[in-house]
Every structure is written in C-alpha cells, then in structure tokens.
Protein backbone atom coordinates (compact mmCIF):
# COMPACT_ATOMS: atom_id res chain seq x y z
CA MET A 1 0.20 -0.11 0.02
CA SER A 2 1.09 3.58 -0.45
CA ILE A 3 1.81 5.44 2.55
CA THR A 4 2.88 8.94 3.42
CA LEU A 5 5.02 9.50 6.54
CA SER A 6 5.04 12.93 7.88
CA VAL A 7 7.15 14.38 10.71
CA ILE A 8 6.47 18.06 11.54
CA LYS A 9 8.05 19.44 14.81
CA ALA A 10 8.10 22.93 16.46
CA ASP A 11 9.50 24.61 19.53
CA ILE A 12 6.30 26.02 21.17
CA GLY A 13 7.67 26.54 24.80
CA GLY A 14 10.28 25.15 26.84
CA TYR A 15 10.43 23.76 30.46
CA VAL A 16 12.45 25.04 32.20
CA GLY A 17 14.21 27.22 29.87
CA HIS A 18 15.04 25.69 26.73
CA SER A 19 15.75 22.51 28.34
CA GLU A 20 12.45 20.11 28.06
CA SER A 21 9.04 19.52 26.97
CA HIS A 22 6.33 20.02 29.48
CA PRO A 23 4.16 16.80 30.09
CA ASP A 24 0.85 18.91 29.75
CA VAL A 25 2.08 20.03 26.30
CA ILE A 26 2.80 16.65 24.90
CA ALA A 27 -0.52 15.61 26.46
CA LYS A 28 -2.36 18.30 24.47
CA GLY A 29 -0.68 17.32 21.26
CA GLU A 30 -1.73 13.48 21.87
CA GLU A 31 -5.08 14.82 22.36
CA CYS A 32 -5.16 16.53 18.90
CA MET A 33 -3.79 13.50 17.32
CA ALA A 34 -6.06 11.13 18.53
CA LYS A 35 -9.06 13.02 17.39
CA ALA A 36 -7.40 13.45 13.87
CA LYS A 37 -6.94 9.45 13.82
CA ARG A 38 -10.70 8.97 15.17
CA ASP A 39 -11.85 11.21 12.23
CA GLY A 40 -10.07 9.24 9.71
CA LEU A 41 -7.47 11.76 8.70
CA LEU A 42 -4.63 9.92 10.23
CA VAL A 43 -3.79 6.25 9.89
CA ASP A 44 -1.64 6.55 13.09
CA TYR A 45 0.58 8.83 14.71
CA HIS A 46 3.05 8.97 17.66
CA VAL A 47 3.58 12.35 19.61
CA THR A 48 7.19 12.77 21.15
CA LYS A 49 9.81 15.24 22.18
CA CYS A 50 13.41 16.00 21.83
CA GLY A 51 14.53 18.82 24.17
CA ASP A 52 12.11 21.57 23.96
CA ASP A 53 10.58 20.62 20.63
CA LEU A 54 7.26 18.98 20.05
CA GLN A 55 7.47 16.11 17.41
CA LEU A 56 4.48 14.91 15.67
CA ILE A 57 4.79 11.68 13.70
CA MET A 58 2.15 10.92 11.36
CA THR A 59 1.01 8.30 8.81
CA HIS A 60 -1.71 8.83 6.17
CA GLN A 61 -2.44 8.45 2.73
CA HIS A 62 -2.82 11.89 1.60
CA GLY A 63 0.58 12.63 0.06
CA VAL A 64 3.20 15.00 0.92
CA ASP A 65 2.43 18.78 1.37
CA ASN A 66 -1.19 17.86 2.09
CA GLU A 67 -2.95 20.96 3.25
CA LYS A 68 -5.32 19.03 5.63
CA ILE A 69 -2.21 17.21 7.38
CA HIS A 70 -0.25 20.35 7.69
CA LYS A 71 -3.07 22.36 9.12
CA LEU A 72 -3.68 19.57 11.55
CA ALA A 73 -0.09 19.87 12.63
CA TRP A 74 -0.43 24.05 12.68
CA ASP A 75 -3.76 23.74 14.63
CA THR A 76 -2.16 21.31 17.10
CA PHE A 77 1.06 23.57 17.65
CA VAL A 78 -1.40 26.60 18.26
CA ASP A 79 -3.67 24.55 20.77
CA CYS A 80 -0.26 23.44 22.61
CA THR A 81 0.97 26.97 22.51
CA GLU A 82 -2.14 28.15 24.38
CA VAL A 83 -1.01 25.39 27.14
CA ALA A 84 2.48 26.52 27.10
CA LYS A 85 1.06 30.27 27.68
CA THR A 86 -0.76 29.05 30.47
CA LEU A 87 1.99 27.44 32.16
CA LYS A 88 4.32 30.59 31.15
CA LEU A 89 6.94 28.04 29.49
CA HIS A 90 9.76 30.01 28.00
CA GLY A 91 9.37 31.13 24.22
CA ALA A 92 5.98 29.95 24.01
CA GLY A 93 5.08 29.69 20.35
CA GLN A 94 8.41 30.60 19.23
CA ASP A 95 8.44 28.58 16.04
CA LEU A 96 4.99 29.84 14.95
CA LEU A 97 6.09 32.79 12.81
CA ALA A 98 2.64 33.51 11.12
CA ASP A 99 -0.40 34.78 12.53
CA ALA A 100 -2.66 32.25 10.58
CA PHE A 101 -2.12 28.94 8.51
CA SER A 102 -1.90 29.75 4.74
CA GLY A 103 -2.19 26.07 3.21
CA ASN A 104 1.33 24.88 4.22
CA VAL A 105 3.59 25.07 7.33
CA LYS A 106 6.69 25.34 5.27
CA GLY A 107 8.19 28.93 5.57
CA MET A 108 5.92 29.25 8.73
CA GLY A 109 8.44 28.09 11.26
CA PRO A 110 8.22 24.35 11.78
CA GLY A 111 10.29 21.64 10.56
CA VAL A 112 8.91 19.36 8.13
CA ALA A 113 10.26 15.96 6.69
CA GLU A 114 7.82 13.78 4.73
CA MET A 115 8.04 11.06 2.36
CA GLU A 116 5.54 8.88 0.21
CA PHE A 117 6.30 5.29 -0.58
CA GLU A 118 4.88 1.85 -1.38
CA GLU A 119 5.13 0.04 1.99
CA ARG A 120 7.46 -3.21 1.60
CA GLY A 121 6.83 -6.54 3.08
CA ALA A 122 9.12 -5.49 5.90
CA GLU A 123 9.11 -1.79 6.31
CA THR A 124 11.85 -0.61 8.70
CA ILE A 125 11.89 3.14 9.50
CA ILE A 126 14.46 5.17 11.73
CA ILE A 127 13.39 8.82 12.51
CA PHE A 128 15.90 11.15 13.85
CA MET A 129 15.00 14.43 15.57
CA ALA A 130 17.58 16.89 16.86
CA ASP A 131 17.66 19.98 19.33
CA LYS A 132 20.11 22.77 19.67
CA THR A 133 21.46 22.64 16.23
CA SER A 134 20.73 23.54 12.72
CA SER A 135 19.27 21.57 9.65
CA GLY A 136 22.59 20.84 7.77
CA ALA A 137 23.38 18.79 10.92
CA TRP A 138 22.26 15.76 8.69
CA ASN A 139 24.69 16.18 6.14
CA LEU A 140 27.68 13.97 7.48
CA PRO A 141 25.42 11.17 8.70
CA LEU A 142 23.47 10.83 5.28
CA TYR A 143 26.67 10.68 3.55
CA LYS A 144 28.18 7.91 5.63
CA MET A 145 25.00 5.94 5.74
CA PHE A 146 24.43 6.17 1.90
CA ALA A 147 27.77 6.86 0.43
CA ASP A 148 30.72 5.66 2.81
CA PRO A 149 31.68 1.89 2.45
CA PHE A 150 33.56 2.29 5.83
CA ASN A 151 30.51 3.13 7.40
CA THR A 152 27.99 0.86 5.29
CA ILE A 153 29.67 -2.29 4.16
CA GLY A 154 26.24 -3.05 2.26
CA LEU A 155 27.54 -0.69 -0.50
CA VAL A 156 30.39 -3.19 -1.29
CA ILE A 157 28.81 -6.55 -0.42
CA ALA A 158 25.01 -6.12 -0.83
CA SER A 159 23.81 -6.48 -4.65
CA GLU A 160 20.70 -4.26 -3.91
CA MET A 161 22.94 -1.59 -2.79
CA HIS A 162 25.90 -1.70 -4.96
CA THR A 163 24.82 0.79 -7.58
CA GLY A 164 24.63 3.49 -4.98
CA PHE A 165 22.40 6.28 -4.17
CA THR A 166 21.46 9.96 -5.50
CA PHE A 167 21.56 12.88 -3.18
CA GLU A 168 19.38 15.95 -3.54
CA VAL A 169 21.21 18.84 -2.26
CA HIS A 170 19.53 22.16 -1.51
CA ASP A 171 21.20 25.54 -1.60
CA VAL A 172 18.84 27.33 1.31
CA LYS A 173 20.45 30.71 0.64
CA GLU A 174 19.76 30.85 -3.10
CA HIS A 175 16.77 28.59 -3.17
CA LYS A 176 18.26 26.17 -5.64
CA LYS A 177 18.84 22.47 -5.79
CA ILE A 178 21.07 19.99 -7.42
CA THR A 179 21.32 16.19 -7.40
CA PHE A 180 24.68 14.16 -7.16
CA ASN A 181 25.18 10.32 -7.84
CA ALA A 182 27.33 8.30 -5.69
CA PRO A 183 29.87 6.91 -5.84
CA ASP A 184 30.47 8.59 -9.04
CA GLU A 185 30.14 12.25 -7.82
CA ILE A 186 31.37 11.84 -4.42
CA TYR A 187 34.08 14.35 -4.68
CA ASP A 188 31.63 17.07 -6.12
CA LEU A 189 29.22 16.19 -3.53
CA LEU A 190 31.44 16.87 -0.86
CA VAL A 191 32.52 20.15 -2.07
CA PHE A 192 28.97 21.40 -1.16
CA ILE A 193 27.60 19.34 1.72
CA GLY A 194 30.88 19.96 3.63
CA ALA A 195 29.50 23.52 4.17
CA PRO A 196 26.22 22.59 5.97
CA ALA A 197 25.06 26.00 6.94
CA ARG A 198 24.27 26.64 3.40
CA TYR A 199 24.08 23.35 1.32
CA MET A 200 21.80 20.58 2.81
CA VAL A 201 20.83 17.11 2.00
CA LYS A 202 17.26 17.39 1.73
CA ALA A 203 16.71 13.75 0.10
CA VAL A 204 18.50 10.57 -0.77
CA TYR A 205 17.13 8.16 -3.49
CA HIS A 206 18.12 4.51 -4.62
CA ARG A 207 19.82 4.88 -7.92
CA GLU A 208 18.33 1.81 -9.47
CA SER A 209 14.76 1.71 -8.21
CA LYS A 210 14.49 5.50 -7.85
CA GLU A 211 12.82 4.74 -4.47
CA ILE A 212 13.29 7.60 -1.55
CA ALA A 213 15.58 6.32 1.10
CA ALA A 214 15.92 9.41 3.29
CA VAL A 215 14.39 12.86 3.72
CA SER A 216 15.26 15.79 6.06
CA SER A 217 13.92 19.20 7.12
CA THR A 218 15.76 21.97 5.61
CA GLN A 219 13.88 24.98 6.87
CA ARG A 220 16.24 27.61 8.49
CA LEU A 221 14.39 29.61 11.08
CA SER A 222 16.75 32.66 10.88
CA LEU A 223 16.29 32.89 7.00
CA ILE A 224 12.66 32.75 7.49
CA ALA A 225 12.53 35.42 10.37
CA GLY A 226 15.29 37.50 9.21
CA ARG A 227 16.57 37.29 12.79
CA TYR A 228 17.62 34.71 15.33
CA ILE A 229 14.57 33.34 17.25
CA GLY A 230 16.13 29.73 18.03
CA LYS A 231 17.84 26.77 16.19
CA ASP A 232 16.03 24.70 13.55
CA ASP A 233 16.22 21.68 15.42
CA PRO A 234 15.84 19.34 12.55
CA VAL A 235 14.30 15.93 11.85
CA CYS A 236 15.12 13.17 9.29
CA ILE A 237 13.40 9.91 8.19
CA VAL A 238 15.53 7.08 7.03
CA ARG A 239 14.25 3.83 5.47
CA SER A 240 16.22 0.70 6.62
CA GLN A 241 17.13 -2.77 5.43
CA GLY A 242 16.64 -4.51 2.13
CA LYS A 243 17.88 -2.10 -0.83
CA PHE A 244 18.63 0.33 2.05
CA PRO A 245 21.39 0.29 4.78
CA ALA A 246 20.88 -1.90 7.76
CA VAL A 247 19.81 -0.42 10.90
CA GLY A 248 23.35 -0.75 12.33
CA GLU A 249 24.60 1.12 9.35
CA VAL A 250 21.94 3.94 9.72
CA LEU A 251 22.87 4.48 13.48
CA GLU A 252 26.65 3.90 13.11
CA PRO A 253 27.42 7.50 12.03
CA PHE A 254 26.33 8.87 15.53
CA THR A 255 28.92 6.97 17.14
CA LEU A 256 30.96 10.22 16.04
CA PRO A 257 29.66 13.26 17.92
CA LEU A 258 30.03 15.52 15.16
CA LEU A 259 30.50 19.08 15.40
CA VAL A 260 27.48 20.97 14.70
CA GLU A 261 26.33 24.53 14.92
CA GLY A 262 23.74 25.56 17.54
CA TRP A 263 24.14 25.20 21.19
CA MET A 264 23.72 28.30 23.23
CA ARG A 265 21.68 30.90 21.56
CA GLY A 266 22.48 29.30 18.02
CA SER A 267 25.70 30.82 18.01
CA HIS A 268 28.47 28.07 18.94
CA HIS A 269 29.80 24.92 17.53
CA GLY A 270 29.13 21.91 19.66
CA PRO A 271 29.19 18.03 19.73
CA LEU A 272 25.83 16.34 18.65
CA MET A 273 25.29 13.73 21.29
CA PRO A 274 23.29 10.73 20.65
CA VAL A 275 20.71 9.89 23.56
CA ALA A 276 17.58 8.29 24.67
CA ILE A 277 14.22 10.18 24.74
CA LYS A 278 14.61 10.69 28.55
CA ASP A 279 18.08 12.18 28.21
CA SER A 280 17.27 14.76 25.58
CA THR A 281 17.32 17.53 28.26
CA PRO A 282 20.09 20.07 27.18
CA THR A 283 21.12 21.85 30.09
CA ARG A 284 24.73 22.58 30.15
CA PHE A 285 25.10 25.93 28.15
CA ASP A 286 21.67 24.90 26.80
CA GLY A 287 23.28 21.67 25.42
CA PRO A 288 25.36 20.03 24.23
CA PRO A 289 23.08 19.57 20.87
CA ARG A 290 21.28 16.21 21.22
CA VAL A 291 19.83 13.60 18.64
CA VAL A 292 17.33 10.93 19.36
CA ALA A 293 16.34 8.14 17.15
CA LEU A 294 12.87 6.30 17.03
CA GLY A 295 12.63 3.05 15.34
CA PHE A 296 9.47 1.83 14.02
CA GLN A 297 8.18 -1.02 11.62
CA LEU A 298 5.26 -0.15 9.55
CA SER A 299 2.36 -2.45 9.07
CA GLY A 300 -0.48 -1.16 7.00
CA GLY A 301 0.56 2.20 7.83
CA LYS A 302 0.44 1.28 11.52
CA LEU A 303 3.48 2.51 13.69
CA VAL A 304 4.78 -0.67 15.31
CA GLY A 305 7.03 0.84 17.94
CA PRO A 306 8.63 2.78 18.69
CA ARG A 307 12.17 1.56 19.92
CA ASP A 308 14.42 4.06 21.31
CA MET A 309 17.54 3.18 19.42
CA PHE A 310 20.13 5.57 21.37
CA ALA A 311 19.21 4.00 24.71
CA ASP A 312 21.64 1.40 23.66
CA LYS A 313 24.63 1.40 25.87
CA SER A 314 26.93 0.84 23.00
CA PHE A 315 26.54 4.74 22.44
CA ASP A 316 28.01 5.47 25.89
CA ASN A 317 31.35 5.99 24.55
CA ALA A 318 29.98 8.47 22.23
CA ARG A 319 28.19 10.23 24.81
CA GLN A 320 31.51 10.55 26.76
CA GLN A 321 33.26 11.86 23.97
CA ALA A 322 30.70 14.53 23.39
CA ASN A 323 31.19 15.53 27.07
CA ASP A 324 34.98 15.60 26.52
CA VAL A 325 34.60 17.68 23.38
CA ALA A 326 32.12 19.90 25.25
CA ASP A 327 34.55 20.71 27.93
CA PHE A 328 37.51 21.55 25.24
CA LEU A 329 35.25 23.82 23.31
CA ARG A 330 33.59 25.80 26.39
CA ARG A 331 37.02 26.82 27.43
CA HIS A 332 37.18 29.05 24.15
CA GLY A 333 34.38 31.09 25.56
CA PRO A 334 33.45 33.73 22.89
CA PHE A 335 36.36 32.83 20.68
CA GLU A 336 36.03 30.94 17.32
CA PRO A 337 36.03 27.81 16.50
CA HIS A 338 33.63 27.77 19.38
CA ARG A 339 31.56 30.70 18.59
CA LEU A 340 30.47 30.46 15.04
CA PRO A 341 32.13 32.92 12.29
CA LEU A 342 30.88 36.13 11.75
CA GLU A 343 29.01 35.45 8.54
CA GLU A 344 26.80 33.04 10.54
CA MET A 345 26.34 35.64 13.39
CA GLU A 346 24.48 37.85 11.23
CA TYR A 347 21.05 37.12 12.71
CA THR A 348 22.29 37.81 16.30
CA THR A 349 22.90 40.76 18.04
CA MET A 350 26.22 41.43 16.05
CA PRO A 351 24.63 43.54 13.43
CA GLN A 352 23.30 46.06 16.12
CA VAL A 353 27.02 46.00 17.54
CA MET A 354 28.37 46.88 14.41
CA LYS A 355 25.96 49.65 13.60
CA LYS A 356 26.61 51.10 17.00
CA LEU A 357 30.29 51.15 16.33
CA GLU A 358 30.49 51.94 12.49
CA GLY A 359 31.48 55.70 13.12
CA ARG A 360 34.39 54.60 15.27
CA PHE A 361 36.19 52.65 12.64
CA THR A 362 38.99 54.75 10.54
CA ASN A 363 40.93 53.68 7.70
CA LEU A 364 44.37 52.50 7.99
CA ASP A 365 47.30 54.71 7.06
C-alpha cells in the first residue's frame, strides 16, 4: 500500500528554559492527534519530544505537502502553545512565525520531513530528531549512511545497494537544488555538503529503483524570520534494511559526536550527542546539542513501536566523547571556533553592535 510518513516539529515552549518539553504540552498534542485518527484523517501517529521541541509523527494516505495534514499540525501547535502560555513556559509559540495558517507549514516556522512510498513486506523506519542545532546537521550522517563503505559495508557486498544512491542537495540561501550520484560524484558532492550552513541534503534516493531512502527538514528559522529566534532543531526520516542500509549502518554515523552549529543562542559549535528520549534534556550551556532516534516497523501504515534506538549502551562512548569535546570547546568562550564565524552571526546581536560602532572605525594609514 502507498503510505505517507510526515514528521512535523515545532518549539512551542520550553520547560525549564530551553531544556525540556512539559508533559501537559505533550498531552495536548496527543489529544489533537487522537482526534484526527478517530476522524479518519490519520492512519496512525506518535507524539514525542526532543528537548523543548514537540514532535508529531504521522502516517496517512494524503501524500506530501497535503493541506489537511499540515493544518492539523499547525492547529495542534497552536493549541499546544495555548497550554504553554498558561504555564508561562519559555518562548511559548516561538516557532510559529505566522498569525494564521496559509495552506502549508513550510516557511511558517515548523520543521517538516515527509516521504511517500509503497510499503514493503517489512518496512523499517528510523526517525532522527535533534535539538539545539541546525538543519545541516544531517549532512555528514547521511553521507556516511549512503556513500561511505567504511560505515556501510552493504555498499560493497549487498547487491541491492551496490549501484549507489542519489543525493538531492538544497542551497537554502539561493533557493536552488542539485542532485549528485554516489559513488561517481562523491568529490563534487562533498564540496557542497561540507558547508552545511548553506548546502543541505534534502533527500536520498536509490539509484536503480528511484525509491526514496531518506528525507530531512531543511527549514532555516533565521532565514525565514530574518533574525535569530532559535535553532532549526531538524528532523530526518531514513528507510532501512533490504535495498537500504541496515539499522546498524544507519545508526553507526552517530558514534562520532560530530561538530554542529547551534548550542547556546544558536551561536556556537558543539558535539551532537546521541541520547535516549529521556535524556534529550540539554541544560549545560543549553546543550550540548542532542539527537534521538526512534525506530518503527510499519504495518498497513500502523506505527509498530517505537524503539528508543540510542538507549543502547553501545553509544556510551559517543556520549562520553561528546562531553569531553564540550569541555574543550567551552574553554574557548566567545572565541572561534567555539563561537560561529561572523558570517553565521548575522542574525544575532552582531549587526546592532556593528551599527553602533561603525562611526568609530577609521581607515588604516
């Protein structure tokens, strides 16, 4: 059967500060999703959180970019924001950048990752959700999953994967896209996705069957709002097993706590720490950035699960390494490379400081 999997998230209020999602907000989200399922709009759903972000995982048969599904998500976020305001949570409704729904949540603040596909005999899905980081955080993991044989041995020894994958890359500043075939164009691909603040892997496709393998959210809040209001806190859906990387190959990239932009006020580089859902509570310097992974099997569109994939103790070393890297970077304080480079600070207070001091700059002799 053809099924659409939609993951739509928003930061609609933190408890305490930016560190956690309040149980009442999650309960309201659950209430809204349950009603939509009873009304027949959804096949199934799961409501969860990553840090202070509310995550709506939905299956349905309406295709991607469907107005009814997006309105459901928007209305849910609005209702949850009212709960957040009642509780006086921090930054209540901060990701809702529009006054009213206008047909699609893209460009309105929430992050969106959606894919439509024919459900396989055994459909394995991993959903990644991150907090205190930006949309480009998925570039390195997706590259390692679908193009690096040192991570994914299936690229070498599995006949269904040996032809490789196609990467769709978005230039989020110029609003353009390009595709690269791996392994043929790996070097060209890396030129761009190695700059994740601008070039982001939007989707990955199986080269032979053309089936979608992965999709991510690429919305950048600062580019939408024109100012810093919070990090993008992206989501990513990855199909696994069969002609796609195995579960272990999908999770393996996160044994490296890769450096990502985000952390405090979205203005620092920090290690992306893989954690269980219960540990997605970034408090140290509002961080370090966190990533969670929920695994599901799909059966007739029903979400069988979730399994909390990073609850596995084999990721303890990655967590320890992330803490060690956090110690090292924090000692740099306001200096690069801990703080982001100036061109990435244009949506913080930096422009106001420059404007205040512009008359004090004089020409060199």
